[in-house]
């Protein structure tokens, strides 16, 4: 996809919900710029979005566990 096509998908209100979640199956990017403010957000339609969230949560729990018991 070209940058213009990706921008068109990103700008479409149909791909954003009221909570600021981006959900576009046609967009293959995992991270996209936030619609408002600074930073990045996940494209929840990307198949890697949920595994990334699970890994991050597991890493945080692992660090807390390690810090608590070792």
N, C-alpha and C. Protein backbone atom coordinates (compact mmCIF):
# COMPACT_ATOMS: atom_id res chain seq x y z
N UNK A 1 0.84 -1.19 0.00
CA UNK A 1 0.00 0.00 0.00
C UNK A 1 0.88 1.24 0.00
N UNK A 2 0.39 2.26 -0.62
CA UNK A 2 1.13 3.52 -0.65
C UNK A 2 0.82 4.33 0.61
N UNK A 3 1.65 5.34 0.84
CA UNK A 3 1.42 6.21 2.00
C UNK A 3 0.06 6.91 1.92
N UNK A 4 -0.32 7.30 0.72
CA UNK A 4 -1.62 7.98 0.57
C UNK A 4 -2.78 7.05 0.90
N UNK A 5 -2.68 5.79 0.49
CA UNK A 5 -3.73 4.83 0.81
C UNK A 5 -3.80 4.58 2.32
N UNK A 6 -2.63 4.45 2.94
CA UNK A 6 -2.61 4.25 4.40
C UNK A 6 -3.16 5.47 5.13
N UNK A 7 -2.83 6.65 4.64
CA UNK A 7 -3.35 7.88 5.25
C UNK A 7 -4.86 7.95 5.12
N UNK A 8 -5.38 7.55 3.96
CA UNK A 8 -6.83 7.55 3.75
C UNK A 8 -7.52 6.61 4.73
N UNK A 9 -6.94 5.42 4.91
CA UNK A 9 -7.50 4.47 5.88
C UNK A 9 -7.45 5.05 7.29
N UNK A 10 -6.31 5.64 7.66
CA UNK A 10 -6.13 6.18 9.00
C UNK A 10 -7.09 7.33 9.27
N UNK A 11 -7.35 8.15 8.26
CA UNK A 11 -8.22 9.32 8.45
C UNK A 11 -9.70 8.97 8.46
N UNK A 12 -10.06 7.80 8.00
CA UNK A 12 -11.47 7.42 7.93
C UNK A 12 -12.06 7.23 9.32
N UNK A 13 -13.13 7.95 9.64
CA UNK A 13 -13.76 7.80 10.96
C UNK A 13 -14.32 6.39 11.19
N UNK A 14 -14.58 5.66 10.12
CA UNK A 14 -15.12 4.31 10.25
C UNK A 14 -14.12 3.35 10.90
N UNK A 15 -12.83 3.69 10.85
CA UNK A 15 -11.80 2.82 11.40
C UNK A 15 -11.45 3.15 12.84
N UNK A 16 -12.10 4.12 13.42
CA UNK A 16 -11.85 4.52 14.81
C UNK A 16 -13.13 4.37 15.61
N UNK A 17 -13.02 3.86 16.84
CA UNK A 17 -14.21 3.84 17.69
C UNK A 17 -14.18 5.03 18.64
N UNK A 18 -15.19 5.15 19.46
CA UNK A 18 -15.31 6.31 20.34
C UNK A 18 -14.27 6.33 21.45
N UNK A 19 -13.59 5.21 21.70
CA UNK A 19 -12.56 5.15 22.73
C UNK A 19 -11.17 5.36 22.18
N UNK A 20 -11.05 5.69 20.91
CA UNK A 20 -9.75 5.94 20.30
C UNK A 20 -9.04 4.69 19.83
N UNK A 21 -9.75 3.59 19.71
CA UNK A 21 -9.15 2.34 19.21
C UNK A 21 -9.22 2.32 17.70
N UNK A 22 -8.09 2.01 17.08
CA UNK A 22 -8.00 1.89 15.62
C UNK A 22 -8.21 0.44 15.25
N UNK A 23 -9.12 0.17 14.32
CA UNK A 23 -9.46 -1.18 13.93
C UNK A 23 -9.69 -1.21 12.42
N UNK A 24 -8.64 -1.54 11.66
CA UNK A 24 -8.74 -1.53 10.21
C UNK A 24 -8.03 -2.76 9.64
N UNK A 25 -8.80 -3.70 9.11
CA UNK A 25 -8.22 -4.92 8.56
C UNK A 25 -7.40 -4.66 7.30
N UNK A 26 -7.74 -3.62 6.55
CA UNK A 26 -7.03 -3.32 5.31
C UNK A 26 -5.64 -2.74 5.57
N UNK A 27 -5.43 -2.19 6.76
CA UNK A 27 -4.15 -1.59 7.14
C UNK A 27 -3.29 -2.66 7.81
N UNK A 28 -2.15 -2.97 7.21
CA UNK A 28 -1.32 -4.06 7.73
C UNK A 28 -0.38 -3.62 8.86
N UNK A 29 -0.34 -2.34 9.18
CA UNK A 29 0.57 -1.87 10.24
C UNK A 29 0.07 -2.31 11.61
N UNK A 30 1.02 -2.67 12.48
CA UNK A 30 0.68 -3.02 13.86
C UNK A 30 0.49 -1.77 14.70
N UNK A 31 1.39 -0.81 14.54
CA UNK A 31 1.31 0.46 15.27
C UNK A 31 0.99 1.59 14.31
N UNK A 32 0.07 2.43 14.72
CA UNK A 32 -0.30 3.60 13.93
C UNK A 32 -0.26 4.83 14.84
N UNK A 33 -0.05 6.02 14.27
CA UNK A 33 -0.08 7.22 15.10
C UNK A 33 -1.47 7.41 15.73
N UNK A 34 -1.48 7.92 16.94
CA UNK A 34 -2.76 8.21 17.59
C UNK A 34 -3.50 9.27 16.81
N UNK A 35 -4.80 9.23 16.90
CA UNK A 35 -5.62 10.21 16.19
C UNK A 35 -5.53 11.58 16.86
N UNK A 36 -5.52 11.58 18.17
CA UNK A 36 -5.42 12.82 18.94
C UNK A 36 -4.25 12.70 19.90
N UNK A 37 -3.47 13.73 20.01
CA UNK A 37 -2.34 13.71 20.92
C UNK A 37 -1.09 13.13 20.27
N UNK A 38 -0.15 12.74 21.11
CA UNK A 38 1.12 12.22 20.65
C UNK A 38 1.23 10.74 20.93
N UNK A 39 2.04 10.05 20.16
CA UNK A 39 2.31 8.64 20.42
C UNK A 39 1.71 7.74 19.38
N UNK A 40 1.65 6.46 19.74
CA UNK A 40 1.20 5.41 18.84
C UNK A 40 0.14 4.58 19.52
N UNK A 41 -0.67 3.90 18.71
CA UNK A 41 -1.67 2.99 19.22
C UNK A 41 -1.65 1.73 18.37
N UNK A 42 -2.22 0.66 18.90
CA UNK A 42 -2.27 -0.59 18.16
C UNK A 42 -3.40 -0.59 17.15
N UNK A 43 -3.17 -1.27 16.04
CA UNK A 43 -4.23 -1.57 15.08
C UNK A 43 -4.82 -2.90 15.55
N UNK A 44 -5.96 -2.86 16.19
CA UNK A 44 -6.53 -4.04 16.82
C UNK A 44 -7.00 -5.07 15.81
N UNK A 45 -7.08 -4.74 14.54
CA UNK A 45 -7.45 -5.72 13.51
C UNK A 45 -6.24 -6.52 13.05
N UNK A 46 -5.05 -6.09 13.41
CA UNK A 46 -3.84 -6.82 13.05
C UNK A 46 -3.75 -8.08 13.91
N UNK A 47 -3.45 -9.24 13.31
CA UNK A 47 -3.41 -10.48 14.08
C UNK A 47 -2.34 -10.50 15.18
N UNK A 48 -1.33 -9.64 15.10
CA UNK A 48 -0.29 -9.61 16.12
C UNK A 48 -0.62 -8.73 17.32
N UNK A 49 -1.71 -7.99 17.27
CA UNK A 49 -2.03 -7.04 18.34
C UNK A 49 -2.24 -7.76 19.68
N UNK A 50 -3.05 -8.80 19.71
CA UNK A 50 -3.33 -9.50 20.97
C UNK A 50 -2.11 -10.22 21.51
N UNK A 51 -1.32 -10.93 20.68
CA UNK A 51 -0.10 -11.53 21.23
C UNK A 51 0.86 -10.50 21.82
N UNK A 52 0.96 -9.33 21.21
CA UNK A 52 1.82 -8.29 21.76
C UNK A 52 1.33 -7.85 23.13
N UNK A 53 0.04 -7.67 23.27
CA UNK A 53 -0.54 -7.27 24.56
C UNK A 53 -0.28 -8.35 25.61
N UNK A 54 -0.47 -9.61 25.25
CA UNK A 54 -0.25 -10.70 26.20
C UNK A 54 1.22 -10.75 26.63
N UNK A 55 2.15 -10.58 25.70
CA UNK A 55 3.58 -10.61 26.03
C UNK A 55 3.94 -9.46 26.96
N UNK A 56 3.42 -8.28 26.69
CA UNK A 56 3.72 -7.12 27.55
C UNK A 56 3.18 -7.35 28.96
N UNK A 57 1.95 -7.82 29.06
CA UNK A 57 1.36 -8.08 30.38
C UNK A 57 2.15 -9.18 31.11
N UNK A 58 2.52 -10.24 30.39
CA UNK A 58 3.30 -11.32 31.01
C UNK A 58 4.66 -10.81 31.48
N UNK A 59 5.28 -9.93 30.71
CA UNK A 59 6.57 -9.37 31.12
C UNK A 59 6.43 -8.54 32.38
N UNK A 60 5.39 -7.75 32.48
CA UNK A 60 5.16 -6.94 33.68
C UNK A 60 4.92 -7.84 34.89
N UNK A 61 4.08 -8.84 34.73
CA UNK A 61 3.81 -9.77 35.83
C UNK A 61 5.08 -10.51 36.22
N UNK A 62 5.86 -10.93 35.23
CA UNK A 62 7.12 -11.60 35.51
C UNK A 62 8.09 -10.72 36.27
N UNK A 63 8.19 -9.46 35.89
CA UNK A 63 9.07 -8.54 36.61
C UNK A 63 8.61 -8.30 38.04
N UNK A 64 7.31 -8.16 38.22
CA UNK A 64 6.78 -7.97 39.58
C UNK A 64 7.05 -9.21 40.42
N UNK A 65 6.81 -10.39 39.85
CA UNK A 65 7.07 -11.64 40.56
C UNK A 65 8.55 -11.77 40.91
N UNK A 66 9.42 -11.51 39.95
CA UNK A 66 10.85 -11.61 40.16
C UNK A 66 11.31 -10.64 41.24
N UNK A 67 10.81 -9.44 41.19
CA UNK A 67 11.18 -8.40 42.16
C UNK A 67 10.70 -8.76 43.57
N UNK A 68 9.55 -9.39 43.64
CA UNK A 68 8.95 -9.72 44.94
C UNK A 68 9.64 -10.88 45.63
N UNK A 69 10.05 -11.89 44.86
CA UNK A 69 10.54 -13.12 45.46
C UNK A 69 12.05 -13.34 45.32
N UNK A 70 12.74 -12.49 44.60
CA UNK A 70 14.19 -12.71 44.43
C UNK A 70 14.96 -11.47 44.77
